Amino acid sequence: MNKKQLAGKVGDKMDLSKAETERIIDAILDEISATLIKGEKVRLVGFGNFVVRKRKGRVGRNPQTGEKITIGESKSPGFVPGINLKKSVKALPAGRQGK
């Protein structure tokens, strides 16, 4: 499902136009992004948490030369699913995942 499809389904449930729903979805995603940029967590109880993950620096190898290189520490966004979401996905019948 892409954003337009999501907006269509949510808009139908909320009796809103697809354009209005897309603006709401954009606003929500902007706020989640802004909160993560500040280094804070976004908690959606029952659904999950958006977090900033920190990766330590490490020594790696250049695959072409085999030379050791230093890879600096980094941050990346992550998602930790909530218990209700985990249970819902786990309850799907076999063969239904990803459709």
N, C-alpha and C. Protein backbone atom coordinates (compact mmCIF):
# COMPACT_ATOMS: atom_id res chain seq x y z
N MET A 1 0.85 -1.17 0.00
CA MET A 1 0.00 0.00 0.00
C MET A 1 0.89 1.24 0.00
N ASN A 2 0.58 2.19 -0.84
CA ASN A 2 1.34 3.44 -0.85
C ASN A 2 0.52 4.54 -0.16
N LYS A 3 1.09 5.75 -0.10
CA LYS A 3 0.44 6.83 0.64
C LYS A 3 -0.91 7.21 0.03
N LYS A 4 -1.03 7.23 -1.27
CA LYS A 4 -2.31 7.58 -1.91
C LYS A 4 -3.38 6.55 -1.58
N GLN A 5 -3.01 5.29 -1.60
CA GLN A 5 -3.97 4.24 -1.25
C GLN A 5 -4.38 4.34 0.22
N LEU A 6 -3.40 4.59 1.08
CA LEU A 6 -3.69 4.76 2.51
C LEU A 6 -4.64 5.94 2.72
N ALA A 7 -4.35 7.05 2.05
CA ALA A 7 -5.21 8.24 2.17
C ALA A 7 -6.62 7.93 1.69
N GLY A 8 -6.76 7.16 0.64
CA GLY A 8 -8.08 6.79 0.14
C GLY A 8 -8.86 5.98 1.15
N LYS A 9 -8.21 4.98 1.75
CA LYS A 9 -8.89 4.12 2.72
C LYS A 9 -9.24 4.89 4.00
N VAL A 10 -8.30 5.68 4.50
CA VAL A 10 -8.57 6.47 5.72
C VAL A 10 -9.64 7.51 5.44
N GLY A 11 -9.55 8.17 4.29
CA GLY A 11 -10.54 9.17 3.92
C GLY A 11 -11.94 8.59 3.85
N ASP A 12 -12.06 7.39 3.31
CA ASP A 12 -13.37 6.73 3.24
C ASP A 12 -13.92 6.48 4.64
N LYS A 13 -13.06 6.02 5.56
CA LYS A 13 -13.51 5.74 6.92
C LYS A 13 -13.89 7.00 7.67
N MET A 14 -13.19 8.11 7.38
CA MET A 14 -13.41 9.36 8.13
C MET A 14 -14.30 10.34 7.37
N ASP A 15 -14.79 9.95 6.21
CA ASP A 15 -15.63 10.80 5.38
C ASP A 15 -14.91 12.11 5.02
N LEU A 16 -13.64 11.97 4.61
CA LEU A 16 -12.82 13.10 4.18
C LEU A 16 -12.37 12.84 2.74
N SER A 17 -12.00 13.91 2.06
CA SER A 17 -11.49 13.73 0.70
C SER A 17 -10.08 13.14 0.77
N LYS A 18 -9.66 12.56 -0.34
CA LYS A 18 -8.31 11.99 -0.40
C LYS A 18 -7.27 13.08 -0.19
N ALA A 19 -7.50 14.28 -0.74
CA ALA A 19 -6.54 15.40 -0.60
C ALA A 19 -6.42 15.83 0.85
N GLU A 20 -7.55 15.94 1.56
CA GLU A 20 -7.52 16.32 2.98
C GLU A 20 -6.76 15.27 3.78
N THR A 21 -7.06 14.02 3.50
CA THR A 21 -6.42 12.92 4.23
C THR A 21 -4.92 12.89 3.96
N GLU A 22 -4.51 13.14 2.71
CA GLU A 22 -3.09 13.17 2.40
C GLU A 22 -2.39 14.28 3.17
N ARG A 23 -3.03 15.44 3.29
CA ARG A 23 -2.43 16.54 4.07
C ARG A 23 -2.28 16.15 5.54
N ILE A 24 -3.26 15.45 6.08
CA ILE A 24 -3.18 15.00 7.47
C ILE A 24 -2.04 13.99 7.63
N ILE A 25 -1.96 13.03 6.71
CA ILE A 25 -0.88 12.04 6.77
C ILE A 25 0.48 12.73 6.66
N ASP A 26 0.61 13.69 5.74
CA ASP A 26 1.87 14.44 5.61
C ASP A 26 2.22 15.16 6.91
N ALA A 27 1.23 15.77 7.54
CA ALA A 27 1.47 16.49 8.80
C ALA A 27 1.93 15.53 9.90
N ILE A 28 1.31 14.36 9.97
CA ILE A 28 1.70 13.36 10.97
C ILE A 28 3.14 12.91 10.72
N LEU A 29 3.46 12.60 9.47
CA LEU A 29 4.82 12.13 9.15
C LEU A 29 5.85 13.23 9.40
N ASP A 30 5.50 14.49 9.10
CA ASP A 30 6.41 15.61 9.38
C ASP A 30 6.69 15.73 10.87
N GLU A 31 5.65 15.56 11.70
CA GLU A 31 5.83 15.66 13.15
C GLU A 31 6.65 14.49 13.69
N ILE A 32 6.42 13.30 13.16
CA ILE A 32 7.23 12.15 13.59
C ILE A 32 8.69 12.40 13.23
N SER A 33 8.95 12.88 12.01
CA SER A 33 10.32 13.17 11.58
C SER A 33 10.97 14.23 12.45
N ALA A 34 10.24 15.32 12.71
CA ALA A 34 10.78 16.42 13.52
C ALA A 34 11.11 15.95 14.94
N THR A 35 10.26 15.10 15.48
CA THR A 35 10.51 14.58 16.83
C THR A 35 11.75 13.69 16.85
N LEU A 36 11.90 12.83 15.84
CA LEU A 36 13.08 11.97 15.77
C LEU A 36 14.35 12.80 15.56
N ILE A 37 14.26 13.86 14.76
CA ILE A 37 15.43 14.72 14.54
C ILE A 37 15.89 15.34 15.86
N LYS A 38 14.94 15.62 16.75
CA LYS A 38 15.29 16.16 18.08
C LYS A 38 15.86 15.08 19.00
N GLY A 39 15.85 13.84 18.53
CA GLY A 39 16.38 12.74 19.34
C GLY A 39 15.37 12.14 20.28
N GLU A 40 14.11 12.47 20.10
CA GLU A 40 13.06 11.96 20.97
C GLU A 40 12.34 10.77 20.34
N LYS A 41 11.61 10.04 21.16
CA LYS A 41 10.86 8.86 20.74
C LYS A 41 9.41 9.26 20.49
N VAL A 42 8.76 8.61 19.52
CA VAL A 42 7.33 8.80 19.27
C VAL A 42 6.63 7.50 19.64
N ARG A 43 5.73 7.57 20.62
CA ARG A 43 5.03 6.37 21.09
C ARG A 43 3.58 6.41 20.63
N LEU A 44 3.17 5.38 19.93
CA LEU A 44 1.78 5.21 19.53
C LEU A 44 1.32 3.93 20.20
N VAL A 45 0.69 4.08 21.37
CA VAL A 45 0.34 2.95 22.22
C VAL A 45 -0.49 1.93 21.43
N GLY A 46 -0.07 0.69 21.50
CA GLY A 46 -0.75 -0.39 20.81
C GLY A 46 -0.23 -0.62 19.40
N PHE A 47 0.37 0.41 18.80
CA PHE A 47 0.89 0.28 17.43
C PHE A 47 2.39 0.09 17.45
N GLY A 48 3.12 1.01 18.11
CA GLY A 48 4.57 0.87 18.19
C GLY A 48 5.26 2.19 18.48
N ASN A 49 6.57 2.14 18.51
CA ASN A 49 7.40 3.30 18.81
C ASN A 49 8.37 3.57 17.67
N PHE A 50 8.46 4.84 17.30
CA PHE A 50 9.49 5.29 16.37
C PHE A 50 10.64 5.79 17.23
N VAL A 51 11.85 5.31 16.95
CA VAL A 51 13.01 5.63 17.78
C VAL A 51 14.20 6.00 16.90
N VAL A 52 15.19 6.61 17.53
CA VAL A 52 16.47 6.88 16.87
C VAL A 52 17.45 5.85 17.40
N ARG A 53 18.02 5.07 16.51
CA ARG A 53 19.00 4.06 16.90
C ARG A 53 20.40 4.60 16.67
N LYS A 54 21.26 4.35 17.63
CA LYS A 54 22.65 4.79 17.53
C LYS A 54 23.52 3.58 17.24
N ARG A 55 24.38 3.73 16.24
CA ARG A 55 25.32 2.65 15.91
C ARG A 55 26.72 3.12 16.29
N LYS A 56 27.44 2.28 16.98
CA LYS A 56 28.81 2.61 17.38
C LYS A 56 29.72 2.61 16.16
N GLY A 57 30.79 3.37 16.25
CA GLY A 57 31.81 3.33 15.20
C GLY A 57 32.50 1.98 15.22
N ARG A 58 33.05 1.61 14.10
CA ARG A 58 33.72 0.30 14.02
C ARG A 58 34.76 0.32 12.91
N VAL A 59 35.55 -0.73 12.88
CA VAL A 59 36.55 -0.87 11.83
C VAL A 59 35.97 -1.83 10.79
N GLY A 60 36.03 -1.42 9.53
CA GLY A 60 35.54 -2.26 8.44
C GLY A 60 36.64 -2.47 7.42
N ARG A 61 36.30 -3.07 6.33
CA ARG A 61 37.27 -3.30 5.26
C ARG A 61 36.70 -2.82 3.94
N ASN A 62 37.56 -2.21 3.15
CA ASN A 62 37.21 -1.82 1.79
C ASN A 62 37.14 -3.11 0.98
N PRO A 63 35.99 -3.45 0.40
CA PRO A 63 35.86 -4.73 -0.29
C PRO A 63 36.74 -4.84 -1.54
N GLN A 64 37.12 -3.71 -2.13
CA GLN A 64 37.94 -3.76 -3.34
C GLN A 64 39.42 -3.96 -3.02
N THR A 65 39.88 -3.30 -1.94
CA THR A 65 41.32 -3.36 -1.64
C THR A 65 41.65 -4.20 -0.42
N GLY A 66 40.64 -4.47 0.42
CA GLY A 66 40.91 -5.20 1.66
C GLY A 66 41.49 -4.32 2.74
N GLU A 67 41.68 -3.04 2.43
CA GLU A 67 42.27 -2.09 3.38
C GLU A 67 41.28 -1.81 4.52
N LYS A 68 41.81 -1.70 5.75
CA LYS A 68 40.97 -1.37 6.90
C LYS A 68 40.53 0.09 6.80
N ILE A 69 39.24 0.32 7.13
CA ILE A 69 38.73 1.68 7.17
C ILE A 69 37.96 1.87 8.47
N THR A 70 37.89 3.11 8.92
CA THR A 70 37.14 3.42 10.13
C THR A 70 35.76 3.91 9.71
N ILE A 71 34.74 3.27 10.25
CA ILE A 71 33.36 3.66 9.99
C ILE A 71 32.88 4.38 11.24
N GLY A 72 32.51 5.65 11.09
CA GLY A 72 32.10 6.46 12.23
C GLY A 72 30.75 6.03 12.78
N GLU A 73 30.48 6.50 13.99
CA GLU A 73 29.17 6.19 14.57
C GLU A 73 28.09 6.93 13.80
N SER A 74 26.89 6.39 13.84
CA SER A 74 25.80 6.98 13.07
C SER A 74 24.47 6.79 13.81
N LYS A 75 23.48 7.49 13.33
CA LYS A 75 22.12 7.38 13.87
C LYS A 75 21.19 7.06 12.71
N SER A 76 20.16 6.26 12.99
CA SER A 76 19.17 5.96 11.97
C SER A 76 17.81 5.78 12.63
N PRO A 77 16.74 6.09 11.89
CA PRO A 77 15.41 5.90 12.47
C PRO A 77 15.06 4.41 12.52
N GLY A 78 14.27 4.06 13.51
CA GLY A 78 13.83 2.68 13.64
C GLY A 78 12.40 2.61 14.13
N PHE A 79 11.81 1.45 14.02
CA PHE A 79 10.45 1.24 14.48
C PHE A 79 10.42 -0.03 15.31
N VAL A 80 9.79 0.07 16.48
CA VAL A 80 9.61 -1.08 17.35
C VAL A 80 8.11 -1.35 17.43
N PRO A 81 7.64 -2.46 16.86
CA PRO A 81 6.20 -2.71 16.86
C PRO A 81 5.65 -2.94 18.26
N GLY A 82 4.43 -2.46 18.49
CA GLY A 82 3.76 -2.67 19.76
C GLY A 82 3.16 -4.05 19.86
N ILE A 83 2.76 -4.41 21.05
CA ILE A 83 2.26 -5.75 21.31
C ILE A 83 1.00 -6.06 20.49
N ASN A 84 0.11 -5.09 20.35
CA ASN A 84 -1.13 -5.33 19.59
C ASN A 84 -0.83 -5.57 18.12
N LEU A 85 0.09 -4.80 17.56
CA LEU A 85 0.47 -4.99 16.16
C LEU A 85 1.13 -6.35 15.95
N LYS A 86 2.00 -6.73 16.87
CA LYS A 86 2.66 -8.04 16.78
C LYS A 86 1.63 -9.16 16.80
N LYS A 87 0.68 -9.06 17.73
CA LYS A 87 -0.35 -10.11 17.83
C LYS A 87 -1.19 -10.19 16.57
N SER A 88 -1.55 -9.03 16.02
CA SER A 88 -2.39 -9.01 14.81
C SER A 88 -1.68 -9.65 13.63
N VAL A 89 -0.41 -9.33 13.45
CA VAL A 89 0.35 -9.88 12.32
C VAL A 89 0.58 -11.36 12.54
N LYS A 90 0.88 -11.74 13.76
CA LYS A 90 1.14 -13.15 14.07
C LYS A 90 -0.10 -14.01 13.82
N ALA A 91 -1.28 -13.43 13.99
CA ALA A 91 -2.53 -14.17 13.84
C ALA A 91 -2.94 -14.37 12.39
N LEU A 92 -2.23 -13.75 11.44
CA LEU A 92 -2.57 -13.93 10.02
C LEU A 92 -2.41 -15.39 9.63
N PRO A 93 -3.34 -15.89 8.81
CA PRO A 93 -3.17 -17.26 8.33
C PRO A 93 -1.93 -17.38 7.44
N ALA A 94 -1.36 -18.55 7.38
CA ALA A 94 -0.17 -18.77 6.54
C ALA A 94 -0.50 -18.41 5.10
N GLY A 95 0.44 -17.78 4.43
CA GLY A 95 0.24 -17.40 3.04
C GLY A 95 -0.36 -16.02 2.86
N ARG A 96 -0.75 -15.34 3.94
CA ARG A 96 -1.37 -14.03 3.84
C ARG A 96 -0.38 -12.89 4.03
N GLN A 97 0.81 -13.17 4.54
CA GLN A 97 1.79 -12.12 4.78
C GLN A 97 2.20 -11.48 3.47
N GLY A 98 2.32 -10.14 3.49
CA GLY A 98 2.83 -9.43 2.34
C GLY A 98 1.83 -9.22 1.22
N LYS A 99 0.57 -9.49 1.45
CA LYS A 99 -0.44 -9.31 0.38
C LYS A 99 -1.37 -8.19 0.72
